[in-house]
Amino acid sequence: MLTAFGIRHVGVKASKILARKYKTIDKLMNASYDELSYIEDIGPVMANSIREFFLQDQTIDLIKRLKEAGVNTKSLEEEVEDKKLEGKTFVLTGTLEKYTRTEASDIIEKLGGKTSGSVSKKTDYVLAGEDAGSKLSKAQSLGITILSEEDFERLINS
């Protein structure tokens, strides 16, 4: 729902971060600029957009009408105790056999990790499927750990 609101500078990834942090639309609506700006991957520009969005009368009215219509404004994601991938950054490349990229990203995020679209020195793992290209080459040149799907399953199931 947060993504569907079309808040300037807030995409799918930021929406997931906000939903996990605040759990309800009311808590997010009442979050201060300072609180929002200190969230990792949100920052000051996004925080300002979020605050401006939720301060608008039309937004307040829309959310009121959504609640009255019975729309769930609470996060449906279950809190996972296992944060074995916390602080780890993954890049996915190539075609995976057992997972879509979205499924693999969701698993990583539920276990506390995060995904990135590009390989850098900050990348911890590259999950490489068939026909992995330049991201795999860059990861190899930087000495980043390359995971096959089997390696990935061992990591998430350990």
Protein backbone atom coordinates (compact mmCIF):
# COMPACT_ATOMS: atom_id res chain seq x y z
CA MET A 1 0.00 0.00 0.00
CA LEU A 2 2.84 2.41 0.77
CA THR A 3 4.27 1.90 -2.70
CA ALA A 4 0.84 2.50 -4.24
CA PHE A 5 0.57 5.88 -2.51
CA GLY A 6 3.28 7.14 -4.85
CA ILE A 7 5.17 9.10 -2.21
CA ARG A 8 7.94 11.00 -3.96
CA HIS A 9 11.32 9.22 -3.70
CA VAL A 10 9.74 6.18 -1.95
CA GLY A 11 9.84 2.96 -3.94
CA VAL A 12 9.28 -0.69 -3.15
CA LYS A 13 12.44 -1.11 -1.08
CA ALA A 14 11.82 1.96 1.09
CA SER A 15 8.16 0.97 1.49
CA LYS A 16 9.22 -2.43 2.86
CA ILE A 17 11.67 -0.78 5.26
CA LEU A 18 8.98 1.59 6.52
CA ALA A 19 6.36 -1.17 6.88
CA ARG A 20 8.77 -3.30 8.89
CA LYS A 21 9.75 -0.41 11.13
CA TYR A 22 6.32 1.10 11.82
CA LYS A 23 3.90 -1.86 11.46
CA THR A 24 0.84 0.46 11.12
CA ILE A 25 0.02 3.45 8.92
CA ASP A 26 -0.82 5.49 12.05
CA LYS A 27 2.66 4.98 13.50
CA LEU A 28 4.24 5.97 10.20
CA MET A 29 2.01 9.03 9.88
CA ASN A 30 3.17 10.19 13.32
CA ALA A 31 6.88 9.57 12.75
CA SER A 32 8.98 12.72 12.96
CA TYR A 33 11.33 13.92 10.26
CA ASP A 34 14.31 13.26 12.53
CA GLU A 35 13.17 9.73 13.28
CA LEU A 36 12.61 8.96 9.59
CA SER A 37 15.86 10.52 8.41
CA TYR A 38 17.95 8.30 10.68
CA ILE A 39 16.55 5.07 9.27
CA GLU A 40 19.15 3.28 7.17
CA ASP A 41 18.37 3.66 3.44
CA ILE A 42 15.80 6.41 4.03
CA GLY A 43 17.77 9.60 4.68
CA PRO A 44 16.76 13.27 4.70
CA VAL A 45 15.27 13.66 1.20
CA MET A 46 12.96 10.68 1.54
CA ALA A 47 12.12 11.59 5.14
CA ASN A 48 11.01 15.03 3.99
CA SER A 49 8.84 13.55 1.22
CA ILE A 50 7.22 11.12 3.66
CA ARG A 51 6.47 13.84 6.22
CA GLU A 52 5.07 16.19 3.57
CA PHE A 53 2.87 13.42 2.17
CA PHE A 54 1.36 12.47 5.52
CA LEU A 55 0.76 16.10 6.54
CA GLN A 56 -1.49 16.80 3.54
CA ASP A 57 -5.21 17.03 4.27
CA GLN A 58 -5.99 14.91 1.21
CA THR A 59 -3.72 12.13 2.48
CA ILE A 60 -5.27 12.20 5.94
CA ASP A 61 -8.72 12.04 4.34
CA LEU A 62 -7.70 9.19 2.01
CA ILE A 63 -6.35 7.08 4.87
CA LYS A 64 -9.49 7.75 6.90
CA ARG A 65 -11.64 6.58 3.98
CA LEU A 66 -9.47 3.50 3.43
CA LYS A 67 -9.86 2.50 7.08
CA GLU A 68 -13.62 3.09 6.94
CA ALA A 69 -13.78 0.86 3.86
CA GLY A 70 -12.06 -1.92 5.82
CA VAL A 71 -8.63 -1.74 4.18
CA ASN A 72 -5.94 -3.27 6.38
CA THR A 73 -3.43 -0.56 7.30
CA LYS A 74 -1.18 -2.87 9.33
CA SER A 75 1.91 -4.70 8.17
CA LEU A 76 1.15 -8.34 7.40
CA GLU A 77 4.76 -9.38 7.59
CA GLU A 78 5.57 -11.62 10.51
CA GLU A 79 8.47 -10.60 12.68
CA VAL A 80 11.28 -13.10 12.23
CA GLU A 81 13.53 -13.76 15.17
CA ASP A 82 16.32 -15.21 13.03
CA LYS A 83 18.45 -12.33 11.77
CA LYS A 84 21.35 -14.49 10.57
CA LEU A 85 21.93 -12.23 7.55
CA GLU A 86 21.77 -8.95 9.47
CA GLY A 87 24.27 -6.44 8.14
CA LYS A 88 24.98 -8.49 5.02
CA THR A 89 24.47 -7.12 1.51
CA PHE A 90 23.65 -9.40 -1.42
CA VAL A 91 23.63 -8.83 -5.15
CA LEU A 92 21.65 -11.24 -7.33
CA THR A 93 22.73 -11.95 -10.87
CA GLY A 94 21.88 -14.42 -13.59
CA THR A 95 18.88 -16.72 -13.80
CA LEU A 96 18.05 -18.63 -10.63
CA GLU A 97 16.41 -22.06 -10.95
CA LYS A 98 14.67 -22.45 -7.59
CA TYR A 99 13.70 -18.84 -6.84
CA THR A 100 12.64 -15.72 -8.63
CA ARG A 101 14.81 -12.74 -7.76
CA THR A 102 11.92 -11.31 -5.77
CA GLU A 103 11.60 -14.51 -3.74
CA ALA A 104 15.34 -14.63 -3.04
CA SER A 105 15.34 -10.93 -2.09
CA ASP A 106 12.40 -11.46 0.26
CA ILE A 107 14.21 -14.34 1.98
CA ILE A 108 17.34 -12.23 2.40
CA GLU A 109 15.37 -9.29 3.80
CA LYS A 110 13.34 -11.46 6.19
CA LEU A 111 16.60 -12.79 7.61
CA GLY A 112 17.92 -9.28 8.19
CA GLY A 113 20.02 -8.81 5.05
CA LYS A 114 19.58 -6.38 2.23
CA THR A 115 19.95 -6.50 -1.52
CA SER A 116 21.61 -4.13 -3.93
CA GLY A 117 21.49 -3.80 -7.68
CA SER A 118 25.21 -3.30 -8.11
CA VAL A 119 28.40 -4.88 -6.84
CA SER A 120 30.71 -2.76 -4.69
CA LYS A 121 33.28 -3.18 -1.94
CA LYS A 122 30.34 -3.13 0.50
CA THR A 123 28.80 -6.27 -1.08
CA ASP A 124 29.16 -9.37 1.09
CA TYR A 125 27.73 -12.00 -1.27
CA VAL A 126 26.77 -12.38 -4.91
CA LEU A 127 24.10 -15.00 -5.55
CA ALA A 128 24.89 -16.12 -9.09
CA GLY A 129 22.61 -18.12 -11.31
CA GLU A 130 22.94 -19.22 -14.94
CA ASP A 131 24.29 -16.67 -17.43
CA ALA A 132 25.65 -14.37 -14.73
CA GLY A 133 27.51 -11.57 -16.45
CA SER A 134 29.40 -8.44 -15.50
CA LYS A 135 28.23 -8.44 -11.86
CA LEU A 136 29.83 -11.85 -11.39
CA SER A 137 33.06 -10.69 -13.03
CA LYS A 138 33.20 -7.57 -10.86
CA ALA A 139 32.53 -9.60 -7.70
CA GLN A 140 35.35 -11.99 -8.60
CA SER A 141 37.75 -9.09 -9.21
CA LEU A 142 36.85 -7.62 -5.78
CA GLY A 143 37.20 -10.98 -4.00
CA ILE A 144 33.54 -11.08 -2.95
CA THR A 145 32.06 -14.44 -1.95
CA ILE A 146 30.06 -15.97 -4.83
CA LEU A 147 27.14 -18.20 -3.84
CA SER A 148 25.43 -20.82 -5.97
CA GLU A 149 21.79 -21.53 -5.19
CA GLU A 150 22.93 -24.57 -3.21
CA ASP A 151 25.36 -22.39 -1.19
CA PHE A 152 22.55 -19.90 -0.63
CA GLU A 153 20.23 -22.61 0.70
CA ARG A 154 22.91 -23.89 3.06
CA LEU A 155 23.45 -20.33 4.30
CA ILE A 156 19.78 -19.57 4.93
CA ASN A 157 19.04 -22.99 6.44
CA SER A 158 22.06 -23.18 8.75
